[in-house]
N, C-alpha and C. Protein backbone atom coordinates (compact mmCIF):
# COMPACT_ATOMS: atom_id res chain seq x y z
N MET A 1 0.85 -1.19 0.00
CA MET A 1 0.00 0.00 0.00
C MET A 1 0.89 1.25 0.00
N LYS A 2 0.79 2.06 -1.04
CA LYS A 2 1.58 3.28 -1.14
C LYS A 2 0.73 4.45 -0.67
N THR A 3 1.20 5.17 0.34
CA THR A 3 0.46 6.30 0.90
C THR A 3 0.81 7.59 0.17
N THR A 4 0.07 8.66 0.49
CA THR A 4 0.39 9.97 -0.09
C THR A 4 1.81 10.38 0.28
N TYR A 5 2.20 10.12 1.52
CA TYR A 5 3.56 10.48 1.95
C TYR A 5 4.61 9.72 1.13
N ASP A 6 4.41 8.40 0.94
CA ASP A 6 5.34 7.60 0.15
C ASP A 6 5.46 8.13 -1.28
N PHE A 7 4.31 8.48 -1.85
CA PHE A 7 4.26 8.95 -3.23
C PHE A 7 4.99 10.28 -3.38
N ILE A 8 4.75 11.19 -2.44
CA ILE A 8 5.42 12.50 -2.49
C ILE A 8 6.91 12.34 -2.22
N GLN A 9 7.28 11.39 -1.36
CA GLN A 9 8.70 11.11 -1.14
C GLN A 9 9.40 10.75 -2.45
N GLU A 10 8.75 9.91 -3.26
CA GLU A 10 9.34 9.53 -4.55
C GLU A 10 9.49 10.73 -5.47
N ILE A 11 8.49 11.61 -5.46
CA ILE A 11 8.56 12.82 -6.29
C ILE A 11 9.75 13.67 -5.87
N VAL A 12 9.90 13.87 -4.56
CA VAL A 12 10.98 14.70 -4.02
C VAL A 12 12.34 14.06 -4.30
N GLU A 13 12.42 12.75 -4.10
CA GLU A 13 13.68 12.04 -4.32
C GLU A 13 14.13 12.12 -5.78
N ASN A 14 13.17 12.07 -6.70
CA ASN A 14 13.49 12.03 -8.13
C ASN A 14 13.61 13.42 -8.77
N ASN A 15 13.43 14.47 -7.99
CA ASN A 15 13.48 15.82 -8.55
C ASN A 15 14.63 16.61 -7.94
N ILE A 16 15.67 16.80 -8.73
CA ILE A 16 16.87 17.46 -8.19
C ILE A 16 16.64 18.94 -7.90
N GLN A 17 15.58 19.54 -8.46
CA GLN A 17 15.31 20.96 -8.22
C GLN A 17 14.87 21.25 -6.79
N ILE A 18 14.16 20.33 -6.18
CA ILE A 18 13.54 20.58 -4.87
C ILE A 18 14.60 20.67 -3.78
N ARG A 19 14.55 21.78 -3.03
CA ARG A 19 15.47 21.98 -1.91
C ARG A 19 14.75 22.00 -0.56
N ARG A 20 13.51 22.50 -0.56
CA ARG A 20 12.77 22.66 0.69
C ARG A 20 11.28 22.51 0.40
N LEU A 21 10.55 21.94 1.37
CA LEU A 21 9.10 21.84 1.28
C LEU A 21 8.52 22.02 2.67
N TYR A 22 7.18 21.90 2.78
CA TYR A 22 6.52 22.28 4.02
C TYR A 22 5.46 21.26 4.43
N PHE A 23 5.46 20.92 5.72
CA PHE A 23 4.33 20.23 6.32
C PHE A 23 3.36 21.30 6.82
N ARG A 24 2.07 21.00 6.79
CA ARG A 24 1.06 21.90 7.35
C ARG A 24 0.25 21.12 8.39
N GLU A 25 0.19 21.64 9.59
CA GLU A 25 -0.68 21.09 10.63
C GLU A 25 -1.95 21.92 10.65
N TYR A 26 -3.08 21.26 10.61
CA TYR A 26 -4.34 22.00 10.54
C TYR A 26 -5.44 21.26 11.31
N THR A 27 -6.53 21.98 11.58
CA THR A 27 -7.61 21.46 12.41
C THR A 27 -8.47 20.46 11.67
N PHE A 28 -8.87 19.43 12.38
CA PHE A 28 -9.86 18.47 11.89
C PHE A 28 -11.11 18.60 12.74
N PRO A 29 -12.32 18.70 12.15
CA PRO A 29 -12.49 18.83 10.71
C PRO A 29 -12.02 20.20 10.23
N ALA A 30 -11.87 20.34 8.92
CA ALA A 30 -11.40 21.61 8.35
C ALA A 30 -12.36 22.73 8.72
N GLN A 31 -11.85 23.95 8.73
CA GLN A 31 -12.69 25.09 9.07
C GLN A 31 -13.84 25.22 8.07
N PRO A 32 -15.03 25.63 8.54
CA PRO A 32 -16.17 25.75 7.62
C PRO A 32 -15.90 26.75 6.51
N VAL A 33 -16.58 26.53 5.38
CA VAL A 33 -16.46 27.45 4.25
C VAL A 33 -16.83 28.85 4.71
N GLY A 34 -16.04 29.83 4.31
CA GLY A 34 -16.31 31.22 4.67
C GLY A 34 -15.50 31.71 5.86
N THR A 35 -14.78 30.80 6.53
CA THR A 35 -13.94 31.22 7.65
C THR A 35 -12.51 31.42 7.15
N GLU A 36 -11.71 32.02 7.99
CA GLU A 36 -10.30 32.24 7.65
C GLU A 36 -9.65 30.88 7.33
N PRO A 37 -9.15 30.70 6.09
CA PRO A 37 -8.69 29.38 5.68
C PRO A 37 -7.45 28.88 6.39
N ALA A 38 -6.65 29.76 6.93
CA ALA A 38 -5.42 29.31 7.59
C ALA A 38 -5.50 29.47 9.11
N LEU A 39 -6.71 29.54 9.65
CA LEU A 39 -6.89 29.74 11.08
C LEU A 39 -6.20 28.63 11.87
N LYS A 40 -5.25 29.03 12.68
CA LYS A 40 -4.50 28.11 13.55
C LYS A 40 -3.68 27.06 12.80
N ASP A 41 -3.51 27.24 11.50
CA ASP A 41 -2.61 26.34 10.76
C ASP A 41 -1.18 26.64 11.17
N ARG A 42 -0.32 25.61 11.13
CA ARG A 42 1.10 25.80 11.40
C ARG A 42 1.89 25.18 10.26
N LEU A 43 2.84 25.96 9.73
CA LEU A 43 3.73 25.46 8.69
C LEU A 43 5.06 25.03 9.29
N TYR A 44 5.56 23.87 8.85
CA TYR A 44 6.85 23.37 9.30
C TYR A 44 7.75 23.20 8.08
N PRO A 45 8.70 24.14 7.87
CA PRO A 45 9.62 23.96 6.74
C PRO A 45 10.53 22.77 6.98
N THR A 46 10.84 22.05 5.92
CA THR A 46 11.73 20.90 6.03
C THR A 46 12.66 20.87 4.82
N THR A 47 13.88 20.51 5.05
CA THR A 47 14.80 20.35 3.93
C THR A 47 14.48 19.04 3.20
N LYS A 48 14.99 18.93 2.01
CA LYS A 48 14.80 17.70 1.24
C LYS A 48 15.35 16.50 2.02
N LYS A 49 16.52 16.67 2.62
CA LYS A 49 17.15 15.57 3.36
C LYS A 49 16.28 15.15 4.55
N GLN A 50 15.77 16.13 5.31
CA GLN A 50 14.90 15.81 6.44
C GLN A 50 13.64 15.08 5.99
N PHE A 51 13.09 15.55 4.88
CA PHE A 51 11.86 14.95 4.38
C PHE A 51 12.07 13.50 3.95
N LEU A 52 13.19 13.23 3.31
CA LEU A 52 13.44 11.89 2.79
C LEU A 52 13.78 10.88 3.88
N ASN A 53 14.35 11.32 5.01
CA ASN A 53 14.68 10.33 6.03
C ASN A 53 13.52 10.07 7.01
N LYS A 54 12.40 10.75 6.85
CA LYS A 54 11.14 10.52 7.56
C LYS A 54 11.16 10.86 9.05
N ASN A 55 12.31 11.25 9.61
CA ASN A 55 12.36 11.51 11.05
C ASN A 55 11.46 12.68 11.45
N MET A 56 11.49 13.76 10.68
CA MET A 56 10.66 14.91 11.01
C MET A 56 9.18 14.54 10.92
N PHE A 57 8.82 13.78 9.88
CA PHE A 57 7.44 13.33 9.71
C PHE A 57 6.98 12.51 10.91
N LYS A 58 7.79 11.56 11.33
CA LYS A 58 7.43 10.72 12.47
C LYS A 58 7.28 11.55 13.74
N GLU A 59 8.19 12.51 13.93
CA GLU A 59 8.13 13.35 15.13
C GLU A 59 6.88 14.23 15.13
N LEU A 60 6.60 14.90 14.01
CA LEU A 60 5.42 15.75 13.94
C LEU A 60 4.14 14.92 14.13
N LYS A 61 4.10 13.76 13.51
CA LYS A 61 2.93 12.89 13.60
C LYS A 61 2.70 12.43 15.04
N SER A 62 3.78 12.12 15.74
CA SER A 62 3.64 11.61 17.11
C SER A 62 3.16 12.69 18.09
N LYS A 63 3.35 13.96 17.73
CA LYS A 63 2.95 15.06 18.63
C LYS A 63 1.63 15.72 18.24
N LEU A 64 0.95 15.17 17.23
CA LEU A 64 -0.31 15.79 16.78
C LEU A 64 -1.40 15.65 17.83
N PRO A 65 -2.06 16.75 18.20
CA PRO A 65 -3.27 16.62 19.03
C PRO A 65 -4.32 15.85 18.23
N LYS A 66 -5.28 15.24 18.91
CA LYS A 66 -6.20 14.33 18.22
C LYS A 66 -7.12 15.02 17.20
N ASN A 67 -7.29 16.33 17.31
CA ASN A 67 -8.15 17.03 16.34
C ASN A 67 -7.35 17.72 15.24
N ARG A 68 -6.09 17.31 15.07
CA ARG A 68 -5.24 17.96 14.08
C ARG A 68 -4.77 16.94 13.04
N ASN A 69 -4.59 17.42 11.81
CA ASN A 69 -4.06 16.62 10.70
C ASN A 69 -2.72 17.18 10.27
N LEU A 70 -1.97 16.35 9.57
CA LEU A 70 -0.72 16.79 8.99
C LEU A 70 -0.81 16.59 7.48
N GLY A 71 -0.53 17.65 6.74
CA GLY A 71 -0.55 17.59 5.29
C GLY A 71 0.77 18.06 4.73
N ILE A 72 0.92 17.91 3.42
CA ILE A 72 2.10 18.42 2.72
C ILE A 72 1.65 19.47 1.73
N GLU A 73 2.33 20.59 1.74
CA GLU A 73 2.02 21.70 0.85
C GLU A 73 2.49 21.39 -0.57
N SER A 74 1.77 21.94 -1.54
CA SER A 74 2.19 21.77 -2.94
C SER A 74 3.43 22.62 -3.26
N ARG A 75 3.54 23.78 -2.59
CA ARG A 75 4.63 24.70 -2.90
C ARG A 75 5.96 24.14 -2.41
N VAL A 76 6.94 24.09 -3.31
CA VAL A 76 8.29 23.65 -2.95
C VAL A 76 9.28 24.73 -3.35
N LYS A 77 10.36 24.82 -2.61
CA LYS A 77 11.42 25.79 -2.89
C LYS A 77 12.52 25.12 -3.70
N THR A 78 13.03 25.87 -4.66
CA THR A 78 14.18 25.42 -5.43
C THR A 78 15.25 26.50 -5.30
N LEU A 79 16.34 26.35 -6.03
CA LEU A 79 17.37 27.39 -6.01
C LEU A 79 16.88 28.66 -6.69
N GLY A 80 15.90 28.53 -7.56
CA GLY A 80 15.33 29.69 -8.25
C GLY A 80 13.93 29.97 -7.75
N GLU A 81 12.96 29.96 -8.67
CA GLU A 81 11.58 30.26 -8.30
C GLU A 81 10.92 29.09 -7.58
N ASP A 82 9.77 29.38 -6.94
CA ASP A 82 8.99 28.33 -6.31
C ASP A 82 8.20 27.57 -7.37
N PHE A 83 7.95 26.30 -7.10
CA PHE A 83 7.13 25.45 -7.96
C PHE A 83 6.09 24.75 -7.10
N HIS A 84 5.18 24.01 -7.77
CA HIS A 84 4.15 23.27 -7.06
C HIS A 84 4.12 21.82 -7.52
N ILE A 85 3.95 20.92 -6.57
CA ILE A 85 3.59 19.54 -6.88
C ILE A 85 2.08 19.57 -7.15
N PRO A 86 1.61 19.09 -8.30
CA PRO A 86 0.18 19.12 -8.58
C PRO A 86 -0.62 18.29 -7.57
N MET A 87 -1.62 18.91 -6.94
CA MET A 87 -2.47 18.24 -5.94
C MET A 87 -3.91 18.67 -6.12
N MET A 88 -4.84 17.71 -5.96
CA MET A 88 -6.26 18.04 -6.07
C MET A 88 -7.09 17.15 -5.14
N ASP A 89 -8.19 17.73 -4.65
CA ASP A 89 -9.13 17.03 -3.78
C ASP A 89 -10.47 16.91 -4.52
N PHE A 90 -11.00 15.70 -4.60
CA PHE A 90 -12.26 15.47 -5.29
C PHE A 90 -13.44 15.50 -4.31
N SER A 91 -14.61 15.84 -4.84
CA SER A 91 -15.82 15.86 -4.03
C SER A 91 -16.69 14.63 -4.26
N MET A 92 -16.28 13.75 -5.16
CA MET A 92 -17.08 12.57 -5.52
C MET A 92 -17.18 11.60 -4.35
N PRO A 93 -18.38 11.07 -4.07
CA PRO A 93 -18.50 10.05 -3.03
C PRO A 93 -17.78 8.78 -3.44
N LYS A 94 -17.37 7.98 -2.48
CA LYS A 94 -16.63 6.77 -2.79
C LYS A 94 -17.53 5.74 -3.45
N SER A 95 -17.14 5.34 -4.66
CA SER A 95 -17.83 4.29 -5.38
C SER A 95 -17.01 3.95 -6.62
N SER A 96 -17.25 2.77 -7.18
CA SER A 96 -16.55 2.40 -8.41
C SER A 96 -16.97 3.32 -9.56
N LYS A 97 -18.21 3.78 -9.53
CA LYS A 97 -18.69 4.72 -10.56
C LYS A 97 -17.92 6.03 -10.50
N SER A 98 -17.69 6.53 -9.29
CA SER A 98 -16.92 7.77 -9.12
C SER A 98 -15.50 7.61 -9.64
N VAL A 99 -14.86 6.48 -9.32
CA VAL A 99 -13.49 6.24 -9.77
C VAL A 99 -13.44 6.21 -11.29
N THR A 100 -14.40 5.55 -11.92
CA THR A 100 -14.46 5.47 -13.38
C THR A 100 -14.60 6.87 -13.99
N LEU A 101 -15.48 7.69 -13.42
CA LEU A 101 -15.70 9.04 -13.93
C LEU A 101 -14.46 9.91 -13.75
N ILE A 102 -13.84 9.84 -12.57
CA ILE A 102 -12.62 10.62 -12.33
C ILE A 102 -11.54 10.23 -13.33
N LYS A 103 -11.32 8.93 -13.51
CA LYS A 103 -10.30 8.47 -14.47
C LYS A 103 -10.58 9.02 -15.87
N LYS A 104 -11.82 8.93 -16.30
CA LYS A 104 -12.20 9.37 -17.64
C LYS A 104 -11.92 10.86 -17.84
N LEU A 105 -12.37 11.69 -16.90
CA LEU A 105 -12.21 13.14 -17.06
C LEU A 105 -10.76 13.59 -16.89
N VAL A 106 -10.04 12.98 -15.97
CA VAL A 106 -8.62 13.33 -15.78
C VAL A 106 -7.82 12.96 -17.02
N LYS A 107 -8.07 11.77 -17.56
CA LYS A 107 -7.35 11.36 -18.78
C LYS A 107 -7.67 12.29 -19.94
N LYS A 108 -8.91 12.73 -20.04
CA LYS A 108 -9.33 13.56 -21.17
C LYS A 108 -8.78 14.98 -21.10
N GLU A 109 -8.77 15.61 -19.91
CA GLU A 109 -8.46 17.04 -19.82
C GLU A 109 -7.18 17.40 -19.06
N ILE A 110 -6.67 16.52 -18.22
CA ILE A 110 -5.57 16.89 -17.33
C ILE A 110 -4.23 16.33 -17.79
N LEU A 111 -4.19 15.05 -18.13
CA LEU A 111 -2.91 14.39 -18.38
C LEU A 111 -2.09 15.04 -19.48
N ASN A 112 -2.74 15.42 -20.59
CA ASN A 112 -1.98 16.01 -21.70
C ASN A 112 -1.49 17.42 -21.36
N ARG A 113 -2.09 18.06 -20.38
CA ARG A 113 -1.68 19.42 -20.00
C ARG A 113 -0.66 19.43 -18.86
N PHE A 114 -0.84 18.52 -17.88
CA PHE A 114 -0.04 18.61 -16.66
C PHE A 114 0.68 17.31 -16.30
N GLY A 115 0.53 16.29 -17.10
CA GLY A 115 1.21 15.02 -16.82
C GLY A 115 0.40 14.11 -15.92
N GLY A 116 0.92 12.92 -15.74
CA GLY A 116 0.22 11.89 -14.97
C GLY A 116 0.41 12.03 -13.48
N GLY A 117 -0.06 11.01 -12.78
CA GLY A 117 0.02 11.02 -11.33
C GLY A 117 -0.74 9.86 -10.75
N GLY A 118 -1.08 9.99 -9.47
CA GLY A 118 -1.77 8.93 -8.77
C GLY A 118 -3.12 9.37 -8.24
N LEU A 119 -4.06 8.43 -8.21
CA LEU A 119 -5.37 8.64 -7.60
C LEU A 119 -5.35 7.94 -6.25
N PHE A 120 -5.71 8.68 -5.22
CA PHE A 120 -5.63 8.17 -3.85
C PHE A 120 -7.01 8.10 -3.22
N GLU A 121 -7.26 7.02 -2.50
CA GLU A 121 -8.52 6.85 -1.78
C GLU A 121 -8.37 7.43 -0.37
N THR A 122 -9.37 8.21 0.05
CA THR A 122 -9.40 8.77 1.40
C THR A 122 -10.62 8.21 2.13
N ASP A 123 -10.90 8.73 3.31
CA ASP A 123 -12.05 8.24 4.08
C ASP A 123 -13.36 8.40 3.31
N ASN A 124 -13.54 9.57 2.68
CA ASN A 124 -14.83 9.88 2.07
C ASN A 124 -14.78 10.07 0.56
N SER A 125 -13.59 10.25 -0.02
CA SER A 125 -13.52 10.55 -1.45
C SER A 125 -12.14 10.18 -1.98
N TYR A 126 -11.59 11.06 -2.84
CA TYR A 126 -10.34 10.76 -3.54
C TYR A 126 -9.48 12.01 -3.69
N HIS A 127 -8.17 11.78 -3.86
CA HIS A 127 -7.20 12.85 -4.12
C HIS A 127 -6.42 12.51 -5.39
N PHE A 128 -5.84 13.54 -6.01
CA PHE A 128 -4.92 13.36 -7.12
C PHE A 128 -3.60 14.04 -6.76
N ILE A 129 -2.49 13.36 -7.06
CA ILE A 129 -1.15 13.96 -6.92
C ILE A 129 -0.40 13.70 -8.22
N GLY A 130 0.06 14.77 -8.85
CA GLY A 130 0.82 14.65 -10.09
C GLY A 130 2.28 14.35 -9.81
N ASN A 131 2.87 13.45 -10.59
CA ASN A 131 4.27 13.08 -10.35
C ASN A 131 5.16 13.23 -11.58
N LYS A 132 4.65 13.85 -12.65
CA LYS A 132 5.44 13.95 -13.88
C LYS A 132 6.20 15.27 -14.01
N LYS A 133 5.66 16.35 -13.44
CA LYS A 133 6.35 17.63 -13.55
C LYS A 133 5.92 18.55 -12.41
N LEU A 134 6.81 19.46 -12.05
CA LEU A 134 6.47 20.53 -11.12
C LEU A 134 5.86 21.67 -11.93
N LEU A 135 4.94 22.41 -11.32
CA LEU A 135 4.25 23.50 -12.00
C LEU A 135 4.77 24.85 -11.52
N ASP A 136 5.03 25.77 -12.46
CA ASP A 136 5.34 27.14 -12.04
C ASP A 136 4.03 27.82 -11.64
N GLU A 137 4.11 29.08 -11.21
CA GLU A 137 2.92 29.75 -10.67
C GLU A 137 1.79 29.83 -11.69
N ASN A 138 2.09 30.16 -12.93
CA ASN A 138 1.05 30.25 -13.96
C ASN A 138 0.45 28.88 -14.27
N GLU A 139 1.30 27.87 -14.37
CA GLU A 139 0.80 26.51 -14.61
C GLU A 139 -0.07 26.03 -13.45
N TYR A 140 0.31 26.40 -12.24
CA TYR A 140 -0.46 26.01 -11.06
C TYR A 140 -1.87 26.60 -11.11
N LEU A 141 -1.98 27.88 -11.48
CA LEU A 141 -3.31 28.49 -11.61
C LEU A 141 -4.11 27.82 -12.72
N ASP A 142 -3.46 27.50 -13.83
CA ASP A 142 -4.13 26.78 -14.92
C ASP A 142 -4.62 25.41 -14.44
N PHE A 143 -3.78 24.73 -13.67
CA PHE A 143 -4.11 23.41 -13.14
C PHE A 143 -5.39 23.48 -12.29
N LEU A 144 -5.47 24.46 -11.40
CA LEU A 144 -6.67 24.62 -10.57
C LEU A 144 -7.88 24.91 -11.44
N GLY A 145 -7.71 25.79 -12.42
CA GLY A 145 -8.82 26.15 -13.30
C GLY A 145 -9.33 24.99 -14.13
N TRP A 146 -8.42 24.20 -14.70
CA TRP A 146 -8.86 23.07 -15.53
C TRP A 146 -9.57 22.02 -14.70
N PHE A 147 -9.12 21.80 -13.48
CA PHE A 147 -9.83 20.84 -12.63
C PHE A 147 -11.23 21.34 -12.28
N LEU A 148 -11.34 22.64 -12.06
CA LEU A 148 -12.65 23.20 -11.73
C LEU A 148 -13.63 23.06 -12.90
N LEU A 149 -13.12 22.96 -14.10
CA LEU A 149 -13.96 22.79 -15.29
C LEU A 149 -14.43 21.35 -15.50
N LEU A 150 -13.89 20.41 -14.73
CA LEU A 150 -14.29 19.01 -14.89
C LEU A 150 -15.64 18.79 -14.21
N VAL A 151 -16.68 18.64 -15.01
CA VAL A 151 -18.04 18.51 -14.48
C VAL A 151 -18.74 17.29 -15.08
N TYR A 152 -19.82 16.90 -14.43
CA TYR A 152 -20.65 15.79 -14.91
C TYR A 152 -22.10 16.12 -14.60
N LYS A 153 -23.00 15.36 -15.19
CA LYS A 153 -24.44 15.51 -14.92
C LYS A 153 -24.84 14.48 -13.87
N ASP A 154 -25.51 14.93 -12.81
CA ASP A 154 -25.98 13.98 -11.80
C ASP A 154 -27.29 13.33 -12.26
N LYS A 155 -27.88 12.48 -11.42
CA LYS A 155 -29.08 11.73 -11.82
C LYS A 155 -30.28 12.63 -12.09
N ASN A 156 -30.23 13.88 -11.60
CA ASN A 156 -31.30 14.84 -11.86
C ASN A 156 -31.01 15.72 -13.08
N GLY A 157 -29.86 15.50 -13.69
CA GLY A 157 -29.48 16.29 -14.85
C GLY A 157 -28.78 17.59 -14.51
N ASP A 158 -28.47 17.79 -13.21
CA ASP A 158 -27.77 19.00 -12.78
C ASP A 158 -26.26 18.84 -12.98
N THR A 159 -25.60 19.95 -13.33
CA THR A 159 -24.15 19.93 -13.51
C THR A 159 -23.45 20.01 -12.16
N ARG A 160 -22.50 19.12 -11.95
CA ARG A 160 -21.74 19.06 -10.69
C ARG A 160 -20.25 19.04 -10.97
N ASN A 161 -19.47 19.67 -10.09
CA ASN A 161 -18.01 19.58 -10.17
C ASN A 161 -17.56 18.25 -9.58
N ILE A 162 -16.52 17.66 -10.16
CA ILE A 162 -15.97 16.45 -9.55
C ILE A 162 -14.96 16.80 -8.47
N VAL A 163 -14.54 18.08 -8.44
CA VAL A 163 -13.57 18.51 -7.43
C VAL A 163 -14.29 19.27 -6.33
N ASP A 164 -13.58 19.40 -5.22
CA ASP A 164 -14.10 20.15 -4.08
C ASP A 164 -13.81 21.64 -4.33
N ALA A 165 -14.84 22.39 -4.73
CA ALA A 165 -14.66 23.81 -5.08
C ALA A 165 -14.11 24.64 -3.92
N PRO A 166 -14.59 24.45 -2.66
CA PRO A 166 -13.98 25.21 -1.55
C PRO A 166 -12.49 24.90 -1.38
N TYR A 167 -12.09 23.66 -1.68
CA TYR A 167 -10.66 23.33 -1.62
C TYR A 167 -9.87 24.22 -2.58
N ILE A 168 -10.39 24.39 -3.80
CA ILE A 168 -9.70 25.24 -4.78
C ILE A 168 -9.69 26.69 -4.31
N ALA A 169 -10.80 27.14 -3.69
CA ALA A 169 -10.82 28.50 -3.16
C ALA A 169 -9.74 28.69 -2.11
N TYR A 170 -9.58 27.72 -1.22
CA TYR A 170 -8.54 27.82 -0.20
C TYR A 170 -7.14 27.76 -0.81
N CYS A 171 -6.97 26.97 -1.87
CA CYS A 171 -5.68 26.94 -2.58
C CYS A 171 -5.34 28.32 -3.11
N LEU A 172 -6.32 29.00 -3.67
CA LEU A 172 -6.10 30.35 -4.20
C LEU A 172 -5.79 31.33 -3.08
N LEU A 173 -6.50 31.23 -1.97
CA LEU A 173 -6.27 32.14 -0.85
C LEU A 173 -4.91 31.89 -0.18
N LYS A 174 -4.52 30.63 -0.06
CA LYS A 174 -3.25 30.28 0.58
C LYS A 174 -2.08 30.32 -0.41
N LYS A 175 -2.43 30.37 -1.72
CA LYS A 175 -1.43 30.32 -2.78
C LYS A 175 -0.62 29.02 -2.76
N SER A 176 -1.28 27.98 -2.31
CA SER A 176 -0.67 26.65 -2.26
C SER A 176 -1.77 25.63 -1.97
N SER A 177 -1.58 24.42 -2.45
CA SER A 177 -2.48 23.32 -2.12
C SER A 177 -1.89 22.53 -0.95
N CYS A 178 -2.71 21.69 -0.35
CA CYS A 178 -2.23 20.84 0.73
C CYS A 178 -3.07 19.57 0.73
N LEU A 179 -2.40 18.42 0.87
CA LEU A 179 -3.12 17.15 1.01
C LEU A 179 -2.64 16.43 2.26
N ARG A 180 -3.58 15.78 2.88
CA ARG A 180 -3.36 15.08 4.15
C ARG A 180 -2.46 13.86 3.95
N VAL A 181 -1.53 13.66 4.90
CA VAL A 181 -0.67 12.48 4.90
C VAL A 181 -0.87 11.64 6.16
N THR A 182 -1.72 12.08 7.05
CA THR A 182 -2.06 11.31 8.25
C THR A 182 -3.51 10.85 8.14
N LYS A 183 -3.87 9.88 8.96
CA LYS A 183 -5.26 9.44 8.96
C LYS A 183 -6.06 10.31 9.91
N TYR A 184 -7.36 10.39 9.63
CA TYR A 184 -8.25 11.12 10.54
C TYR A 184 -8.27 10.43 11.89
N PRO A 185 -8.54 11.18 12.97
CA PRO A 185 -8.73 10.54 14.27
C PRO A 185 -9.81 9.46 14.18
N ASN A 186 -9.57 8.33 14.81
CA ASN A 186 -10.51 7.20 14.85
C ASN A 186 -10.74 6.56 13.47
N SER A 187 -9.88 6.83 12.51
CA SER A 187 -10.00 6.22 11.18
C SER A 187 -8.89 5.21 11.00
N LYS A 188 -9.15 4.20 10.20
CA LYS A 188 -8.13 3.21 9.88
C LYS A 188 -7.49 3.48 8.52
N ILE A 189 -7.99 4.52 7.82
CA ILE A 189 -7.56 4.78 6.44
C ILE A 189 -6.54 5.91 6.38
N VAL A 190 -5.35 5.61 5.89
CA VAL A 190 -4.39 6.62 5.48
C VAL A 190 -4.56 6.76 3.98
N PRO A 191 -4.65 8.00 3.44
CA PRO A 191 -4.84 8.13 1.98
C PRO A 191 -3.82 7.28 1.22
N SER A 192 -4.33 6.40 0.35
CA SER A 192 -3.48 5.40 -0.31
C SER A 192 -3.76 5.32 -1.80
N LEU A 193 -2.71 4.99 -2.55
CA LEU A 193 -2.78 4.91 -4.00
C LEU A 193 -3.69 3.77 -4.45
N ILE A 194 -4.64 4.09 -5.36
CA ILE A 194 -5.49 3.04 -5.92
C ILE A 194 -5.37 2.96 -7.45
N TYR A 195 -4.76 3.99 -8.06
CA TYR A 195 -4.64 3.97 -9.52
C TYR A 195 -3.52 4.92 -9.94
N LEU A 196 -2.72 4.46 -10.90
CA LEU A 196 -1.61 5.27 -11.42
C LEU A 196 -1.93 5.64 -12.86
N PHE A 197 -2.02 6.96 -13.14
CA PHE A 197 -2.31 7.44 -14.49
C PHE A 197 -1.05 7.37 -15.34
């Protein structure tokens, strides 16, 4: 079972540009829509070396209060400009039908623009993490926009986004994405890879 942390470790290990990245500690459940998106969030900068040897991750995870999660930010530091690891949170309920729809739309609109990646199962839905290229600031905004355009018709014929729109709003406000690498309190599920694009 490959977790989000394992997958991002491989991205960091295989990318010589990355020098520094960030863990984010945040409240569970996430703050309601319309509230300050970074309320009581804490960022922990980590060097590439620290991130790859997992010691900092284990230490931060062991000290988490029970209502807090640990995520990894999309924004990474290089010797030059900042880049982003592509990350997305889906709003689709867990089902084989949802997985099929996500695969279809991502293959059609995302892969040729931003490269492949992994689809991860979470407690209630799914995540995407791109592993083919880092995105500059303009590409990152395009990435968020193209995902927001991925829609489907529900059983009533209404148009629905497959992504979590408030998640994208928070990405824009924070100027970075973040995906969870720890399991929710009282959950047995750590976000894990179920499909590789």
